[in-house]
Protein backbone atom coordinates (compact mmCIF):
# COMPACT_ATOMS: atom_id res chain seq x y z
CA UNK A 1 0.00 0.00 0.00
CA UNK A 2 1.30 3.42 -0.88
CA UNK A 3 0.56 6.67 0.89
CA UNK A 4 -1.47 7.71 -2.16
CA UNK A 5 -3.69 4.61 -1.83
CA UNK A 6 -4.26 5.20 1.87
CA UNK A 7 -7.84 6.04 2.80
CA UNK A 8 -8.19 8.15 5.92
CA UNK A 9 -11.46 9.45 7.33
CA UNK A 10 -12.53 12.84 5.93
CA UNK A 11 -11.74 14.44 9.30
CA UNK A 12 -8.17 13.05 9.33
CA UNK A 13 -5.23 15.42 9.71
CA UNK A 14 -2.11 13.70 8.44
CA UNK A 15 0.83 15.08 6.48
CA UNK A 16 2.30 13.22 3.52
CA UNK A 17 5.13 12.03 5.79
CA UNK A 18 2.59 10.72 8.32
CA UNK A 19 0.58 9.06 5.55
CA UNK A 20 3.74 7.28 4.37
CA UNK A 21 4.29 5.99 7.94
CA UNK A 22 0.67 4.82 8.17
CA UNK A 23 0.98 3.03 4.82
CA UNK A 24 4.14 1.22 6.00
CA UNK A 25 2.45 0.19 9.27
CA UNK A 26 -0.57 -1.12 7.39
CA UNK A 27 1.53 -2.96 4.81
CA UNK A 28 3.57 -4.64 7.55
CA UNK A 29 0.48 -5.72 9.48
CA UNK A 30 -1.18 -7.11 6.36
CA UNK A 31 1.99 -9.01 5.46
CA UNK A 32 1.76 -10.68 8.87
CA UNK A 33 -1.92 -11.45 8.30
CA UNK A 34 -1.07 -13.09 4.97
CA UNK A 35 1.81 -15.10 6.45
CA UNK A 36 -0.36 -16.22 9.37
CA UNK A 37 -3.40 -17.06 7.26
CA UNK A 38 -5.54 -14.44 8.99
CA UNK A 39 -8.53 -13.51 6.89
CA UNK A 40 -12.03 -12.17 7.13
CA UNK A 41 -13.09 -9.95 9.99
CA UNK A 42 -9.81 -10.14 11.90
CA UNK A 43 -7.75 -9.13 8.84
CA UNK A 44 -10.15 -6.24 8.23
CA UNK A 45 -9.71 -5.14 11.86
CA UNK A 46 -5.91 -5.21 11.50
CA UNK A 47 -6.13 -3.19 8.29
CA UNK A 48 -8.48 -0.59 9.73
CA UNK A 49 -6.72 -0.20 13.07
CA UNK A 50 -3.37 0.33 11.36
CA UNK A 51 -4.66 2.70 8.67
CA UNK A 52 -6.64 4.85 11.12
CA UNK A 53 -4.29 4.86 14.15
CA UNK A 54 -2.57 8.15 13.29
CA UNK A 55 -5.55 9.84 11.59
CA UNK A 56 -5.21 12.84 13.93
CA UNK A 57 -1.46 12.69 14.59
CA UNK A 58 -0.91 16.02 12.88
CA UNK A 59 -3.94 17.76 14.40
CA UNK A 60 -3.33 20.59 16.82
CA UNK A 61 -3.49 20.04 20.54
CA UNK A 62 -6.60 22.25 20.67
CA UNK A 63 -8.32 20.13 18.01
CA UNK A 64 -7.58 16.91 19.90
CA UNK A 65 -8.52 18.29 23.32
CA UNK A 66 -11.85 19.43 21.87
CA UNK A 67 -12.56 15.80 20.95
CA UNK A 68 -11.36 14.25 24.25
CA UNK A 69 -11.67 17.09 26.79
CA UNK A 70 -11.85 14.65 29.71
CA UNK A 71 -8.28 13.39 29.18
CA UNK A 72 -5.40 15.11 30.97
CA UNK A 73 -2.81 13.20 28.93
CA UNK A 74 0.15 14.98 27.30
CA UNK A 75 -0.63 16.30 23.82
CA UNK A 76 1.71 13.75 22.21
CA UNK A 77 -0.57 10.93 23.40
CA UNK A 78 -3.96 12.39 22.50
CA UNK A 79 -4.15 11.39 18.83
CA UNK A 80 -5.08 7.78 19.61
CA UNK A 81 -7.99 8.53 21.94
CA UNK A 82 -9.15 11.41 19.70
CA UNK A 83 -9.11 9.21 16.60
CA UNK A 84 -10.96 6.42 18.39
CA UNK A 85 -13.59 8.89 19.62
CA UNK A 86 -14.11 10.32 16.13
CA UNK A 87 -14.38 6.83 14.65
CA UNK A 88 -16.93 5.79 17.29
CA UNK A 89 -18.91 8.97 16.65
CA UNK A 90 -18.88 8.05 12.96
CA UNK A 91 -20.31 4.60 13.61
CA UNK A 92 -17.30 2.33 14.14
CA UNK A 93 -18.37 -0.35 16.61
CA UNK A 94 -15.55 -2.92 16.59
CA UNK A 95 -14.13 -2.78 20.09
CA UNK A 96 -10.85 -4.37 18.94
CA UNK A 97 -10.28 -1.58 16.40
CA UNK A 98 -11.28 1.23 18.76
CA UNK A 99 -9.25 -0.17 21.67
CA UNK A 100 -6.18 -0.71 19.47
CA UNK A 101 -6.27 2.88 18.25
CA UNK A 102 -7.15 4.45 21.60
CA UNK A 103 -4.30 2.76 23.48
CA UNK A 104 -1.62 2.44 20.78
CA UNK A 105 0.61 5.14 22.29
CA UNK A 106 0.63 3.79 25.85
CA UNK A 107 -0.35 0.14 25.57
CA UNK A 108 -3.11 -1.97 27.04
CA UNK A 109 -2.75 -5.25 28.90
CA UNK A 110 -6.22 -6.37 27.74
CA UNK A 111 -5.68 -6.06 23.99
CA UNK A 112 -6.65 -8.79 21.60
CA UNK A 113 -4.43 -9.51 18.59
CA UNK A 114 -5.57 -6.36 16.77
CA UNK A 115 -4.16 -4.09 19.47
CA UNK A 116 -1.01 -6.13 19.69
CA UNK A 117 -0.52 -6.02 15.93
CA UNK A 118 -0.88 -2.24 15.84
CA UNK A 119 1.53 -1.79 18.76
CA UNK A 120 4.15 -3.98 17.08
CA UNK A 121 3.70 -2.69 13.51
CA UNK A 122 3.84 0.94 14.64
CA UNK A 123 7.19 0.28 16.32
CA UNK A 124 8.65 -2.16 13.79
CA UNK A 125 7.70 -0.46 10.51
CA UNK A 126 10.81 -0.21 8.33
CA UNK A 127 10.79 3.57 7.85
CA UNK A 128 11.83 4.29 11.40
CA UNK A 129 15.56 5.14 11.44
CA UNK A 130 16.71 3.46 14.66
CA UNK A 131 17.99 -0.08 15.22
CA UNK A 132 16.86 -1.21 11.78
CA UNK A 133 18.51 -4.64 11.81
CA UNK A 134 17.02 -5.73 15.14
CA UNK A 135 13.61 -4.29 14.35
CA UNK A 136 13.60 -6.09 10.97
CA UNK A 137 14.49 -9.33 12.74
CA UNK A 138 11.62 -8.84 15.17
CA UNK A 139 9.20 -7.95 12.37
CA UNK A 140 10.10 -11.14 10.50
CA UNK A 141 9.45 -13.24 13.61
CA UNK A 142 5.86 -12.07 14.20
CA UNK A 143 4.18 -14.76 12.03
CA UNK A 144 6.05 -17.64 13.70
CA UNK A 145 6.33 -16.30 17.26
CA UNK A 146 3.56 -13.76 17.72
CA UNK A 147 3.46 -13.80 21.54
CA UNK A 148 7.24 -13.91 21.96
CA UNK A 149 7.72 -11.04 19.55
CA UNK A 150 5.01 -9.00 21.26
CA UNK A 151 6.76 -9.59 24.60
CA UNK A 152 10.08 -8.48 23.09
CA UNK A 153 8.56 -5.33 21.54
CA UNK A 154 6.83 -4.34 24.79
CA UNK A 155 10.04 -4.91 26.73
CA UNK A 156 12.08 -2.85 24.24
CA UNK A 157 9.60 0.03 23.92
CA UNK A 158 8.87 0.39 27.60
CA UNK A 159 12.40 -0.47 28.68
CA UNK A 160 13.66 2.44 26.57
CA UNK A 161 11.28 4.78 28.40
CA UNK A 162 12.36 3.55 31.82
CA UNK A 163 16.05 3.74 30.86
CA UNK A 164 15.57 7.37 29.81
CA UNK A 165 14.13 8.17 33.23
CA UNK A 166 10.59 8.59 31.97
CA UNK A 167 7.91 7.33 34.32
CA UNK A 168 5.52 4.79 32.85
CA UNK A 169 1.83 5.56 32.70
CA UNK A 170 -0.22 3.05 34.74
CA UNK A 171 -1.56 1.49 31.54
CA UNK A 172 1.97 1.00 30.22
CA UNK A 173 3.14 -0.50 33.50
CA UNK A 174 0.20 -2.93 33.43
CA UNK A 175 1.07 -3.95 29.87
CA UNK A 176 4.70 -4.53 30.81
CA UNK A 177 3.68 -6.59 33.83
CA UNK A 178 1.33 -8.67 31.67
CA UNK A 179 4.15 -9.90 29.43
CA UNK A 180 6.73 -10.66 32.15
């Protein structure tokens, strides 16, 4: 999937650079679905969660806070909950898709495979410039070791935050505890 082929909701605010990222995340997730023989409703959920996860990533803080005024999260984390709220308002009812998008920046210990796929694909997509060899190795292992790779991605992502001195949000800490 190319950025030009990417369909975002009409209310989406995503630059061409962001659209390219979203397209890479979606392509990676769908490659895993193909390799794992996932089809039907679950494949559709993976596709939609990955293509909509950053729909509001380039929106202003004011735009996002207007959608989710009850959240006191930092602005950098609001795009997931805001996108999920807009999708729900527009009629999206699949809890797996909405939960994946809502929590993709902080993690959720109660995710099904859709949330886990989004979390991994968002981190492992090949356009990110850091640790490319290790991330490519992890991405290639998803179809044959889904749970082990998810555990490794959670440990890497959250371990990096802890190592930098950043405190984990309670939801992130619960996710990390769930894979230990």
